[in-house]
Amino acid sequence: MSRRDYYGFKRGRRGSTVFWIFFGIVAFAAIYFPFFGGNLRYQIGSTVSSIFSKIGSFLLFGGLILLSIGLIRIFTGGFKGIKTAVLGVMLIWVAITFFEPGIWGILTHGEAVPKGYH
């Protein structure tokens, strides 16, 4: 039994599938972008921004929990919780970078960063 018979497909079939996928993407771009391309850019941007904002919220929540556990361990058992508290602070710092730039500006130097291209 040859390898071609074992996998059950012919050799030239993959090239035609790639061609039709590429053709579909080009046809979509040629029809959709001239009419709605600008709106699509802002829709994708707002979607990605909301995804990063949610990730930042989860990281902030986890960082606050770790920080509080670390502080409780420091106050109750000596300096055993320093590592947990530092990890919580680092997680909060990473979470801040996932938020919108306006929140980053308020937290770092007191005034919001203006929106737009920088």
PDB file of N, CA and C in Angstrom:
ATOM      1  N   MET A   1       0.840  -1.176   0.000  1.00  0.00           N
ATOM      2  CA  MET A   1       0.000   0.000   0.000  1.00  0.00           C
ATOM      3  C   MET A   1       0.887   1.243   0.000  1.00  0.00           C
ATOM      4  N   SER A   2       0.629   2.147  -0.897  1.00  0.00           N
ATOM      5  CA  SER A   2       1.446   3.357  -0.988  1.00  0.00           C
ATOM      6  C   SER A   2       0.980   4.396   0.033  1.00  0.00           C
ATOM      7  N   ARG A   3       1.810   5.376   0.250  1.00  0.00           N
ATOM      8  CA  ARG A   3       1.488   6.420   1.217  1.00  0.00           C
ATOM      9  C   ARG A   3       0.266   7.233   0.776  1.00  0.00           C
ATOM     10  N   ARG A   4       0.128   7.459  -0.514  1.00  0.00           N
ATOM     11  CA  ARG A   4      -1.001   8.218  -1.023  1.00  0.00           C
ATOM     12  C   ARG A   4      -2.309   7.486  -0.773  1.00  0.00           C
ATOM     13  N   ASP A   5      -2.327   6.172  -0.939  1.00  0.00           N
ATOM     14  CA  ASP A   5      -3.535   5.412  -0.672  1.00  0.00           C
ATOM     15  C   ASP A   5      -3.840   5.345   0.822  1.00  0.00           C
ATOM     16  N   TYR A   6      -2.812   5.377   1.649  1.00  0.00           N
ATOM     17  CA  TYR A   6      -2.994   5.272   3.093  1.00  0.00           C
ATOM     18  C   TYR A   6      -3.707   6.501   3.654  1.00  0.00           C
ATOM     19  N   TYR A   7      -3.320   7.686   3.206  1.00  0.00           N
ATOM     20  CA  TYR A   7      -3.941   8.896   3.711  1.00  0.00           C
ATOM     21  C   TYR A   7      -5.258   9.213   3.032  1.00  0.00           C
ATOM     22  N   GLY A   8      -5.534   8.681   1.903  1.00  0.00           N
ATOM     23  CA  GLY A   8      -6.835   8.831   1.266  1.00  0.00           C
ATOM     24  C   GLY A   8      -7.066  10.137   0.540  1.00  0.00           C
ATOM     25  N   PHE A   9      -6.051  10.823   0.109  1.00  0.00           N
ATOM     26  CA  PHE A   9      -6.253  12.038  -0.681  1.00  0.00           C
ATOM     27  C   PHE A   9      -5.213  12.087  -1.779  1.00  0.00           C
ATOM     28  N   LYS A  10      -5.578  12.807  -2.798  1.00  0.00           N
ATOM     29  CA  LYS A  10      -4.668  12.942  -3.929  1.00  0.00           C
ATOM     30  C   LYS A  10      -3.698  14.082  -3.677  1.00  0.00           C
ATOM     31  N   ARG A  11      -2.613  14.054  -4.366  1.00  0.00           N
ATOM     32  CA  ARG A  11      -1.543  15.014  -4.133  1.00  0.00           C
ATOM     33  C   ARG A  11      -1.925  16.438  -4.546  1.00  0.00           C
ATOM     34  N   GLY A  12      -2.648  16.640  -5.594  1.00  0.00           N
ATOM     35  CA  GLY A  12      -2.955  17.981  -6.083  1.00  0.00           C
ATOM     36  C   GLY A  12      -4.116  18.650  -5.379  1.00  0.00           C
ATOM     37  N   ARG A  13      -4.799  18.012  -4.481  1.00  0.00           N
ATOM     38  CA  ARG A  13      -5.997  18.549  -3.853  1.00  0.00           C
ATOM     39  C   ARG A  13      -5.681  19.690  -2.870  1.00  0.00           C
ATOM     40  N   ARG A  14      -4.581  19.626  -2.175  1.00  0.00           N
ATOM     41  CA  ARG A  14      -4.249  20.653  -1.194  1.00  0.00           C
ATOM     42  C   ARG A  14      -4.031  22.001  -1.859  1.00  0.00           C
ATOM     43  N   GLY A  15      -3.391  22.011  -2.993  1.00  0.00           N
ATOM     44  CA  GLY A  15      -3.145  23.263  -3.694  1.00  0.00           C
ATOM     45  C   GLY A  15      -4.430  23.956  -4.115  1.00  0.00           C
ATOM     46  N   SER A  16      -5.414  23.212  -4.548  1.00  0.00           N
ATOM     47  CA  SER A  16      -6.671  23.842  -4.956  1.00  0.00           C
ATOM     48  C   SER A  16      -7.441  24.369  -3.749  1.00  0.00           C
ATOM     49  N   THR A  17      -7.356  23.715  -2.596  1.00  0.00           N
ATOM     50  CA  THR A  17      -8.024  24.209  -1.394  1.00  0.00           C
ATOM     51  C   THR A  17      -7.397  25.522  -0.942  1.00  0.00           C
ATOM     52  N   VAL A  18      -6.101  25.591  -0.942  1.00  0.00           N
ATOM     53  CA  VAL A  18      -5.413  26.831  -0.569  1.00  0.00           C
ATOM     54  C   VAL A  18      -5.777  27.950  -1.538  1.00  0.00           C
ATOM     55  N   PHE A  19      -5.877  27.622  -2.819  1.00  0.00           N
ATOM     56  CA  PHE A  19      -6.256  28.625  -3.810  1.00  0.00           C
ATOM     57  C   PHE A  19      -7.644  29.175  -3.529  1.00  0.00           C
ATOM     58  N   TRP A  20      -8.618  28.332  -3.223  1.00  0.00           N
ATOM     59  CA  TRP A  20      -9.981  28.813  -2.986  1.00  0.00           C
ATOM     60  C   TRP A  20     -10.093  29.604  -1.694  1.00  0.00           C
ATOM     61  N   ILE A  21      -9.331  29.244  -0.680  1.00  0.00           N
ATOM     62  CA  ILE A  21      -9.325  30.042   0.552  1.00  0.00           C
ATOM     63  C   ILE A  21      -8.723  31.415   0.275  1.00  0.00           C
ATOM     64  N   PHE A  22      -7.611  31.456  -0.429  1.00  0.00           N
ATOM     65  CA  PHE A  22      -6.982  32.726  -0.791  1.00  0.00           C
ATOM     66  C   PHE A  22      -7.917  33.561  -1.667  1.00  0.00           C
ATOM     67  N   PHE A  23      -8.584  32.926  -2.623  1.00  0.00           N
ATOM     68  CA  PHE A  23      -9.522  33.627  -3.490  1.00  0.00           C
ATOM     69  C   PHE A  23     -10.681  34.207  -2.684  1.00  0.00           C
ATOM     70  N   GLY A  24     -11.183  33.461  -1.700  1.00  0.00           N
ATOM     71  CA  GLY A  24     -12.276  33.960  -0.865  1.00  0.00           C
ATOM     72  C   GLY A  24     -11.867  35.160  -0.043  1.00  0.00           C
ATOM     73  N   ILE A  25     -10.652  35.138   0.491  1.00  0.00           N
ATOM     74  CA  ILE A  25     -10.171  36.274   1.281  1.00  0.00           C
ATOM     75  C   ILE A  25     -10.013  37.507   0.399  1.00  0.00           C
ATOM     76  N   VAL A  26      -9.450  37.329  -0.773  1.00  0.00           N
ATOM     77  CA  VAL A  26      -9.271  38.460  -1.695  1.00  0.00           C
ATOM     78  C   VAL A  26     -10.616  38.997  -2.159  1.00  0.00           C
ATOM     79  N   ALA A  27     -11.571  38.108  -2.455  1.00  0.00           N
ATOM     80  CA  ALA A  27     -12.895  38.556  -2.892  1.00  0.00           C
ATOM     81  C   ALA A  27     -13.609  39.311  -1.773  1.00  0.00           C
ATOM     82  N   PHE A  28     -13.504  38.830  -0.541  1.00  0.00           N
ATOM     83  CA  PHE A  28     -14.110  39.529   0.587  1.00  0.00           C
ATOM     84  C   PHE A  28     -13.503  40.915   0.756  1.00  0.00           C
ATOM     85  N   ALA A  29     -12.189  40.981   0.665  1.00  0.00           N
ATOM     86  CA  ALA A  29     -11.519  42.270   0.820  1.00  0.00           C
ATOM     87  C   ALA A  29     -11.890  43.227  -0.312  1.00  0.00           C
ATOM     88  N   ALA A  30     -12.000  42.713  -1.530  1.00  0.00           N
ATOM     89  CA  ALA A  30     -12.307  43.569  -2.675  1.00  0.00           C
ATOM     90  C   ALA A  30     -13.738  44.087  -2.621  1.00  0.00           C
ATOM     91  N   ILE A  31     -14.648  43.322  -2.053  1.00  0.00           N
ATOM     92  CA  ILE A  31     -16.049  43.747  -1.995  1.00  0.00           C
ATOM     93  C   ILE A  31     -16.339  44.527  -0.721  1.00  0.00           C
ATOM     94  N   TYR A  32     -15.816  44.101   0.408  1.00  0.00           N
ATOM     95  CA  TYR A  32     -16.196  44.680   1.692  1.00  0.00           C
ATOM     96  C   TYR A  32     -15.429  45.954   2.034  1.00  0.00           C
ATOM     97  N   PHE A  33     -14.127  45.959   1.835  1.00  0.00           N
ATOM     98  CA  PHE A  33     -13.309  47.077   2.288  1.00  0.00           C
ATOM     99  C   PHE A  33     -13.596  48.413   1.622  1.00  0.00           C
ATOM    100  N   PRO A  34     -13.902  48.489   0.342  1.00  0.00           N
ATOM    101  CA  PRO A  34     -14.180  49.822  -0.202  1.00  0.00           C
ATOM    102  C   PRO A  34     -15.388  50.510   0.426  1.00  0.00           C
ATOM    103  N   PHE A  35     -16.344  49.740   0.886  1.00  0.00           N
ATOM    104  CA  PHE A  35     -17.555  50.331   1.445  1.00  0.00           C
ATOM    105  C   PHE A  35     -17.515  50.450   2.967  1.00  0.00           C
ATOM    106  N   PHE A  36     -16.968  49.432   3.648  1.00  0.00           N
ATOM    107  CA  PHE A  36     -17.044  49.387   5.105  1.00  0.00           C
ATOM    108  C   PHE A  36     -15.688  49.231   5.777  1.00  0.00           C
ATOM    109  N   GLY A  37     -14.611  49.501   5.096  1.00  0.00           N
ATOM    110  CA  GLY A  37     -13.279  49.264   5.643  1.00  0.00           C
ATOM    111  C   GLY A  37     -12.948  50.107   6.856  1.00  0.00           C
ATOM    112  N   GLY A  38     -13.334  51.382   6.841  1.00  0.00           N
ATOM    113  CA  GLY A  38     -13.053  52.249   7.976  1.00  0.00           C
ATOM    114  C   GLY A  38     -13.784  51.809   9.224  1.00  0.00           C
ATOM    115  N   ASN A  39     -15.041  51.428   9.075  1.00  0.00           N
ATOM    116  CA  ASN A  39     -15.804  50.953  10.225  1.00  0.00           C
ATOM    117  C   ASN A  39     -15.237  49.650  10.774  1.00  0.00           C
ATOM    118  N   LEU A  40     -14.767  48.784   9.888  1.00  0.00           N
ATOM    119  CA  LEU A  40     -14.195  47.517  10.333  1.00  0.00           C
ATOM    120  C   LEU A  40     -12.949  47.745  11.171  1.00  0.00           C
ATOM    121  N   ARG A  41     -12.157  48.738  10.816  1.00  0.00           N
ATOM    122  CA  ARG A  41     -10.951  49.040  11.583  1.00  0.00           C
ATOM    123  C   ARG A  41     -11.315  49.438  13.007  1.00  0.00           C
ATOM    124  N   TYR A  42     -12.329  50.277  13.179  1.00  0.00           N
ATOM    125  CA  TYR A  42     -12.723  50.710  14.509  1.00  0.00           C
ATOM    126  C   TYR A  42     -13.423  49.597  15.282  1.00  0.00           C
ATOM    127  N   GLN A  43     -14.172  48.740  14.589  1.00  0.00           N
ATOM    128  CA  GLN A  43     -14.819  47.614  15.264  1.00  0.00           C
ATOM    129  C   GLN A  43     -13.791  46.630  15.796  1.00  0.00           C
ATOM    130  N   ILE A  44     -12.784  46.328  15.003  1.00  0.00           N
ATOM    131  CA  ILE A  44     -11.736  45.421  15.457  1.00  0.00           C
ATOM    132  C   ILE A  44     -10.973  46.054  16.616  1.00  0.00           C
ATOM    133  N   GLY A  45     -10.696  47.339  16.526  1.00  0.00           N
ATOM    134  CA  GLY A  45      -9.990  48.026  17.607  1.00  0.00           C
ATOM    135  C   GLY A  45     -10.771  48.026  18.907  1.00  0.00           C
ATOM    136  N   SER A  46     -12.063  48.262  18.849  1.00  0.00           N
ATOM    137  CA  SER A  46     -12.863  48.266  20.076  1.00  0.00           C
ATOM    138  C   SER A  46     -12.995  46.862  20.644  1.00  0.00           C
ATOM    139  N   THR A  47     -13.062  45.856  19.785  1.00  0.00           N
ATOM    140  CA  THR A  47     -13.145  44.474  20.268  1.00  0.00           C
ATOM    141  C   THR A  47     -11.860  44.078  20.971  1.00  0.00           C
ATOM    142  N   VAL A  48     -10.723  44.367  20.358  1.00  0.00           N
ATOM    143  CA  VAL A  48      -9.434  44.029  20.967  1.00  0.00           C
ATOM    144  C   VAL A  48      -9.244  44.808  22.264  1.00  0.00           C
ATOM    145  N   SER A  49      -9.665  46.063  22.284  1.00  0.00           N
ATOM    146  CA  SER A  49      -9.542  46.869  23.496  1.00  0.00           C
ATOM    147  C   SER A  49     -10.371  46.286  24.634  1.00  0.00           C
ATOM    148  N   SER A  50     -11.583  45.828  24.330  1.00  0.00           N
ATOM    149  CA  SER A  50     -12.413  45.252  25.392  1.00  0.00           C
ATOM    150  C   SER A  50     -11.850  43.923  25.874  1.00  0.00           C
ATOM    151  N   ILE A  51     -11.245  43.138  24.982  1.00  0.00           N
ATOM    152  CA  ILE A  51     -10.629  41.868  25.398  1.00  0.00           C
ATOM    153  C   ILE A  51      -9.467  42.138  26.346  1.00  0.00           C
ATOM    154  N   PHE A  52      -8.601  43.101  25.995  1.00  0.00           N
ATOM    155  CA  PHE A  52      -7.476  43.421  26.869  1.00  0.00           C
ATOM    156  C   PHE A  52      -7.942  44.022  28.188  1.00  0.00           C
ATOM    157  N   SER A  53      -9.036  44.775  28.155  1.00  0.00           N
ATOM    158  CA  SER A  53      -9.565  45.341  29.390  1.00  0.00           C
ATOM    159  C   SER A  53     -10.070  44.240  30.319  1.00  0.00           C
ATOM    160  N   LYS A  54     -10.714  43.224  29.759  1.00  0.00           N
ATOM    161  CA  LYS A  54     -11.182  42.090  30.579  1.00  0.00           C
ATOM    162  C   LYS A  54     -10.009  41.311  31.153  1.00  0.00           C
ATOM    163  N   ILE A  55      -8.961  41.086  30.345  1.00  0.00           N
ATOM    164  CA  ILE A  55      -7.772  40.403  30.847  1.00  0.00           C
ATOM    165  C   ILE A  55      -7.157  41.207  31.984  1.00  0.00           C
ATOM    166  N   GLY A  56      -7.099  42.520  31.822  1.00  0.00           N
ATOM    167  CA  GLY A  56      -6.576  43.379  32.878  1.00  0.00           C
ATOM    168  C   GLY A  56      -7.412  43.316  34.145  1.00  0.00           C
ATOM    169  N   SER A  57      -8.726  43.217  33.995  1.00  0.00           N
ATOM    170  CA  SER A  57      -9.594  43.113  35.169  1.00  0.00           C
ATOM    171  C   SER A  57      -9.334  41.823  35.936  1.00  0.00           C
ATOM    172  N   PHE A  58      -9.191  40.717  35.208  1.00  0.00           N
ATOM    173  CA  PHE A  58      -8.911  39.446  35.871  1.00  0.00           C
ATOM    174  C   PHE A  58      -7.550  39.464  36.564  1.00  0.00           C
ATOM    175  N   LEU A  59      -6.552  40.020  35.895  1.00  0.00           N
ATOM    176  CA  LEU A  59      -5.225  40.097  36.503  1.00  0.00           C
ATOM    177  C   LEU A  59      -5.220  41.008  37.725  1.00  0.00           C
ATOM    178  N   LEU A  60      -5.961  42.111  37.656  1.00  0.00           N
ATOM    179  CA  LEU A  60      -6.049  43.015  38.793  1.00  0.00           C
ATOM    180  C   LEU A  60      -6.716  42.333  39.979  1.00  0.00           C
ATOM    181  N   PHE A  61      -7.783  41.604  39.721  1.00  0.00           N
ATOM    182  CA  PHE A  61      -8.473  40.882  40.785  1.00  0.00           C
ATOM    183  C   PHE A  61      -7.546  39.842  41.422  1.00  0.00           C
ATOM    184  N   GLY A  62      -6.836  39.084  40.591  1.00  0.00           N
ATOM    185  CA  GLY A  62      -5.899  38.094  41.122  1.00  0.00           C
ATOM    186  C   GLY A  62      -4.757  38.735  41.889  1.00  0.00           C
ATOM    187  N   GLY A  63      -4.263  39.860  41.393  1.00  0.00           N
ATOM    188  CA  GLY A  63      -3.188  40.568  42.084  1.00  0.00           C
ATOM    189  C   GLY A  63      -3.625  41.108  43.432  1.00  0.00           C
ATOM    190  N   LEU A  64      -4.850  41.622  43.505  1.00  0.00           N
ATOM    191  CA  LEU A  64      -5.354  42.121  44.784  1.00  0.00           C
ATOM    192  C   LEU A  64      -5.532  40.985  45.788  1.00  0.00           C
ATOM    193  N   ILE A  65      -5.993  39.829  45.308  1.00  0.00           N
ATOM    194  CA  ILE A  65      -6.139  38.678  46.201  1.00  0.00           C
ATOM    195  C   ILE A  65      -4.771  38.228  46.714  1.00  0.00           C
ATOM    196  N   LEU A  66      -3.789  38.108  45.813  1.00  0.00           N
ATOM    197  CA  LEU A  66      -2.453  37.702  46.243  1.00  0.00           C
ATOM    198  C   LEU A  66      -1.817  38.722  47.186  1.00  0.00           C
ATOM    199  N   LEU A  67      -2.033  39.996  46.897  1.00  0.00           N
ATOM    200  CA  LEU A  67      -1.488  41.029  47.765  1.00  0.00           C
ATOM    201  C   LEU A  67      -2.114  40.958  49.154  1.00  0.00           C
ATOM    202  N   SER A  68      -3.413  40.778  49.215  1.00  0.00           N
ATOM    203  CA  SER A  68      -4.067  40.704  50.530  1.00  0.00           C
ATOM    204  C   SER A  68      -3.640  39.447  51.286  1.00  0.00           C
ATOM    205  N   ILE A  69      -3.508  38.311  50.594  1.00  0.00           N
ATOM    206  CA  ILE A  69      -3.036  37.092  51.255  1.00  0.00           C
ATOM    207  C   ILE A  69      -1.609  37.300  51.760  1.00  0.00           C
ATOM    208  N   GLY A  70      -0.774  37.924  50.949  1.00  0.00           N
ATOM    209  CA  GLY A  70       0.602  38.184  51.366  1.00  0.00           C
ATOM    210  C   GLY A  70       0.682  39.100  52.567  1.00  0.00           C
ATOM    211  N   LEU A  71      -0.128  40.155  52.584  1.00  0.00           N
ATOM    212  CA  LEU A  71      -0.106  41.079  53.726  1.00  0.00           C
ATOM    213  C   LEU A  71      -0.627  40.405  54.986  1.00  0.00           C
ATOM    214  N   ILE A  72      -1.650  39.576  54.846  1.00  0.00           N
ATOM    215  CA  ILE A  72      -2.164  38.850  56.017  1.00  0.00           C
ATOM    216  C   ILE A  72      -1.095  37.901  56.555  1.00  0.00           C
ATOM    217  N   ARG A  73      -0.387  37.224  55.646  1.00  0.00           N
ATOM    218  CA  ARG A  73       0.681  36.315  56.083  1.00  0.00           C
ATOM    219  C   ARG A  73       1.846  37.074  56.715  1.00  0.00           C
ATOM    220  N   ILE A  74       2.124  38.286  56.233  1.00  0.00           N
ATOM    221  CA  ILE A  74       3.196  39.083  56.844  1.00  0.00           C
ATOM    222  C   ILE A  74       2.806  39.489  58.258  1.00  0.00           C
ATOM    223  N   PHE A  75       1.546  39.922  58.454  1.00  0.00           N
ATOM    224  CA  PHE A  75       1.123  40.390  59.774  1.00  0.00           C
ATOM    225  C   PHE A  75       0.923  39.253  60.760  1.00  0.00           C
ATOM    226  N   THR A  76       0.591  38.060  60.270  1.00  0.00           N
ATOM    227  CA  THR A  76       0.339  36.954  61.196  1.00  0.00           C
ATOM    228  C   THR A  76       1.547  36.055  61.405  1.00  0.00           C
ATOM    229  N   GLY A  77       2.388  35.879  60.419  1.00  0.00           N
ATOM    230  CA  GLY A  77       3.461  34.906  60.563  1.00  0.00           C
ATOM    231  C   GLY A  77       4.840  35.430  60.264  1.00  0.00           C
ATOM    232  N   GLY A  78       5.082  36.676  60.448  1.00  0.00           N
ATOM    233  CA  GLY A  78       6.414  37.208  60.156  1.00  0.00           C
ATOM    234  C   GLY A  78       6.541  37.580  58.693  1.00  0.00           C
ATOM    235  N   PHE A  79       7.707  37.305  58.123  1.00  0.00           N
ATOM    236  CA  PHE A  79       7.980  37.715  56.750  1.00  0.00           C
ATOM    237  C   PHE A  79       7.810  36.580  55.742  1.00  0.00           C
ATOM    238  N   LYS A  80       6.977  35.605  56.059  1.00  0.00           N
ATOM    239  CA  LYS A  80       6.760  34.487  55.138  1.00  0.00           C
ATOM    240  C   LYS A  80       5.943  34.889  53.909  1.00  0.00           C
ATOM    241  N   GLY A  81       5.164  35.934  54.019  1.00  0.00           N
ATOM    242  CA  GLY A  81       4.283  36.304  52.916  1.00  0.00           C
ATOM    243  C   GLY A  81       4.824  37.371  51.996  1.00  0.00           C
ATOM    244  N   ILE A  82       6.084  37.717  52.130  1.00  0.00           N
ATOM    245  CA  ILE A  82       6.652  38.774  51.287  1.00  0.00           C
ATOM    246  C   ILE A  82       6.638  38.356  49.820  1.00  0.00           C
ATOM    247  N   LYS A  83       6.970  37.108  49.557  1.00  0.00           N
ATOM    248  CA  LYS A  83       7.002  36.644  48.175  1.00  0.00           C
ATOM    249  C   LYS A  83       5.611  36.713  47.540  1.00  0.00           C
ATOM    250  N   THR A  84       4.583  36.339  48.291  1.00  0.00           N
ATOM    251  CA  THR A  84       3.215  36.398  47.779  1.00  0.00           C
ATOM    252  C   THR A  84       2.778  37.844  47.571  1.00  0.00           C
ATOM    253  N   ALA A  85       3.146  38.725  48.477  1.00  0.00           N
ATOM    254  CA  ALA A  85       2.779  40.132  48.341  1.00  0.00           C
ATOM    255  C   ALA A  85       3.475  40.773  47.140  1.00  0.00           C
ATOM    256  N   VAL A  86       4.751  40.453  46.948  1.00  0.00           N
ATOM    257  CA  VAL A  86       5.483  41.001  45.799  1.00  0.00           C
ATOM    258  C   VAL A  86       4.893  40.460  44.499  1.00  0.00           C
ATOM    259  N   LEU A  87       4.531  39.188  44.483  1.00  0.00           N
ATOM    260  CA  LEU A  87       3.888  38.616  43.296  1.00  0.00           C
ATOM    261  C   LEU A  87       2.554  39.305  43.016  1.00  0.00           C
ATOM    262  N   GLY A  88       1.807  39.627  44.058  1.00  0.00           N
ATOM    263  CA  GLY A  88       0.552  40.360  43.888  1.00  0.00           C
ATOM    264  C   GLY A  88       0.763  41.748  43.320  1.00  0.00           C
ATOM    265  N   VAL A  89       1.791  42.441  43.798  1.00  0.00           N
ATOM    266  CA  VAL A  89       2.104  43.782  43.280  1.00  0.00           C
ATOM    267  C   VAL A  89       2.522  43.701  41.812  1.00  0.00           C
ATOM    268  N   MET A  90       3.333  42.698  41.478  1.00  0.00           N
ATOM    269  CA  MET A  90       3.753  42.545  40.081  1.00  0.00           C
ATOM    270  C   MET A  90       2.569  42.210  39.181  1.00  0.00           C
ATOM    271  N   LEU A  91       1.633  41.398  39.668  1.00  0.00           N
ATOM    272  CA  LEU A  91       0.446  41.071  38.889  1.00  0.00           C
ATOM    273  C   LEU A  91      -0.437  42.296  38.693  1.00  0.00           C
ATOM    274  N   ILE A  92      -0.525  43.138  39.711  1.00  0.00           N
ATOM    275  CA  ILE A  92      -1.281  44.387  39.572  1.00  0.00           C
ATOM    276  C   ILE A  92      -0.602  45.292  38.544  1.00  0.00           C
ATOM    277  N   TRP A  93       0.712  45.359  38.552  1.00  0.00           N
ATOM    278  CA  TRP A  93       1.446  46.191  37.591  1.00  0.00           C
ATOM    279  C   TRP A  93       1.212  45.718  36.161  1.00  0.00           C
ATOM    280  N   VAL A  94       1.217  44.411  35.950  1.00  0.00           N
ATOM    281  CA  VAL A  94       0.940  43.868  34.621  1.00  0.00           C
ATOM    282  C   VAL A  94      -0.513  44.149  34.235  1.00  0.00           C
ATOM    283  N   ALA A  95      -1.423  44.059  35.193  1.00  0.00           N
ATOM    284  CA  ALA A  95      -2.832  44.305  34.908  1.00  0.00           C
ATOM    285  C   ALA A  95      -3.069  45.746  34.473  1.00  0.00           C
ATOM    286  N   ILE A  96      -2.331  46.669  35.056  1.00  0.00           N
ATOM    287  CA  ILE A  96      -2.506  48.079  34.697  1.00  0.00           C
ATOM    288  C   ILE A  96      -2.143  48.308  33.234  1.00  0.00           C
ATOM    289  N   THR A  97      -1.151  47.593  32.731  1.00  0.00           N
ATOM    290  CA  THR A  97      -0.755  47.788  31.338  1.00  0.00           C
ATOM    291  C   THR A  97      -1.800  47.259  30.359  1.00  0.00           C
ATOM    292  N   PHE A  98      -2.689  46.377  30.805  1.00  0.00           N
ATOM    293  CA  PHE A  98      -3.726  45.864  29.921  1.00  0.00           C
ATOM    294  C   PHE A  98      -4.933  46.787  29.839  1.00  0.00           C
ATOM    295  N   PHE A  99      -5.047  47.748  30.755  1.00  0.00           N
ATOM    296  CA  PHE A  99      -6.166  48.670  30.710  1.00  0.00           C
ATOM    297  C   PHE A  99      -5.949  49.724  29.630  1.00  0.00           C
ATOM    298  N   GLU A 100      -6.947  50.542  29.439  1.00  0.00           N
ATOM    299  CA  GLU A 100      -6.854  51.611  28.453  1.00  0.00           C
ATOM    300  C   GLU A 100      -5.802  52.633  28.884  1.00  0.00           C
ATOM    301  N   PRO A 101      -5.235  53.357  27.932  1.00  0.00           N
ATOM    302  CA  PRO A 101      -4.180  54.323  28.293  1.00  0.00           C
ATOM    303  C   PRO A 101      -4.643  55.398  29.259  1.00  0.00           C
ATOM    304  N   GLY A 102      -5.924  55.760  29.240  1.00  0.00           N
ATOM    305  CA  GLY A 102      -6.412  56.769  30.169  1.00  0.00           C
ATOM    306  C   GLY A 102      -6.285  56.332  31.609  1.00  0.00           C
ATOM    307  N   ILE A 103      -6.577  55.083  31.876  1.00  0.00           N
ATOM    308  CA  ILE A 103      -6.456  54.556  33.235  1.00  0.00           C
ATOM    309  C   ILE A 103      -4.985  54.506  33.638  1.00  0.00           C
ATOM    310  N   TRP A 104      -4.117  54.134  32.706  1.00  0.00           N
ATOM    311  CA  TRP A 104      -2.678  54.083  32.979  1.00  0.00           C
ATOM    312  C   TRP A 104      -2.162  55.469  33.372  1.00  0.00           C
ATOM    313  N   GLY A 105      -2.612  56.502  32.670  1.00  0.00           N
ATOM    314  CA  GLY A 105      -2.167  57.858  32.997  1.00  0.00           C
ATOM    315  C   GLY A 105      -2.662  58.324  34.346  1.00  0.00           C
ATOM    316  N   ILE A 106      -3.894  57.991  34.679  1.00  0.00           N
ATOM    317  CA  ILE A 106      -4.442  58.395  35.977  1.00  0.00           C
ATOM    318  C   ILE A 106      -3.680  57.721  37.108  1.00  0.00           C
ATOM    319  N   LEU A 107      -3.347  56.456  36.933  1.00  0.00           N
ATOM    320  CA  LEU A 107      -2.672  55.728  38.006  1.00  0.00           C
ATOM    321  C   LEU A 107      -1.203  56.107  38.139  1.00  0.00           C
ATOM    322  N   THR A 108      -0.565  56.529  37.057  1.00  0.00           N
ATOM    323  CA  THR A 108       0.867  56.806  37.145  1.00  0.00           C
ATOM    324  C   THR A 108       1.188  58.261  37.454  1.00  0.00           C
ATOM    325  N   HIS A 109       0.508  59.209  36.804  1.00  0.00           N
ATOM    326  CA  HIS A 109       0.866  60.603  37.059  1.00  0.00           C
ATOM    327  C   HIS A 109      -0.334  61.524  37.242  1.00  0.00           C
ATOM    328  N   GLY A 110      -1.523  60.980  37.501  1.00  0.00           N
ATOM    329  CA  GLY A 110      -2.632  61.790  37.943  1.00  0.00           C
ATOM    330  C   GLY A 110      -3.545  62.372  36.897  1.00  0.00           C
ATOM    331  N   GLU A 111      -3.180  62.348  35.634  1.00  0.00           N
ATOM    332  CA  GLU A 111      -4.075  62.873  34.613  1.00  0.00           C
ATOM    333  C   GLU A 111      -4.182  61.875  33.461  1.00  0.00           C
ATOM    334  N   ALA A 112      -5.329  61.875  32.840  1.00  0.00           N
ATOM    335  CA  ALA A 112      -5.597  60.883  31.786  1.00  0.00           C
ATOM    336  C   ALA A 112      -4.793  61.200  30.534  1.00  0.00           C
ATOM    337  N   VAL A 113      -4.382  60.133  29.853  1.00  0.00           N
ATOM    338  CA  VAL A 113      -3.696  60.283  28.579  1.00  0.00           C
ATOM    339  C   VAL A 113      -4.740  60.550  27.507  1.00  0.00           C
ATOM    340  N   PRO A 114      -4.554  61.532  26.621  1.00  0.00           N
ATOM    341  CA  PRO A 114      -5.569  61.793  25.589  1.00  0.00           C
ATOM    342  C   PRO A 114      -5.673  60.627  24.609  1.00  0.00           C
ATOM    343  N   LYS A 115      -6.888  60.359  24.169  1.00  0.00           N
ATOM    344  CA  LYS A 115      -7.103  59.278  23.234  1.00  0.00           C
ATOM    345  C   LYS A 115      -6.686  59.711  21.839  1.00  0.00           C
ATOM    346  N   GLY A 116      -6.359  58.769  21.000  1.00  0.00           N
ATOM    347  CA  GLY A 116      -5.943  59.064  19.628  1.00  0.00           C
ATOM    348  C   GLY A 116      -4.653  58.359  19.305  1.00  0.00           C
ATOM    349  N   TYR A 117      -4.092  58.705  18.182  1.00  0.00           N
ATOM    350  CA  TYR A 117      -2.843  58.082  17.759  1.00  0.00           C
ATOM    351  C   TYR A 117      -1.672  58.787  18.417  1.00  0.00           C
ATOM    352  N   HIS A 118      -0.734  58.012  18.931  1.00  0.00           N
ATOM    353  CA  HIS A 118       0.437  58.591  19.602  1.00  0.00           C
ATOM    354  C   HIS A 118       1.688  58.129  18.918  1.00  0.00           C
TER     355      HIS A 118
END
